[in-house]
């Protein structure tokens, strides 16, 4: 008989969870988190643009064009410029 009563109390306790507000972890809000994500992606793109421009400069290619490509396509442009051979010309600059 006691086991049955214990189950009933557990059922009543869990039935109330639907109405209970559970504590959420601290968040800054969706807008701020999205802004931070955009900021991080902008910084990563800027770093990739700089690295692409420096690699292009060393390989005798147009650093401005590769900088723009590095900003727009980040890691992909960085891999492409790293794999491209030098033009054989003197480095620009």
Foldseek 3Di string as FASTA:
>chain_A
DVVVVVVVVVVVVVVCVVVDDDDDPDDPDDVVVVVVVVVVLQVQLQVQLVLQLVLCLQLQHHSVVLSVVCSVVPPVSSVVSVPDHRPPDHRDD
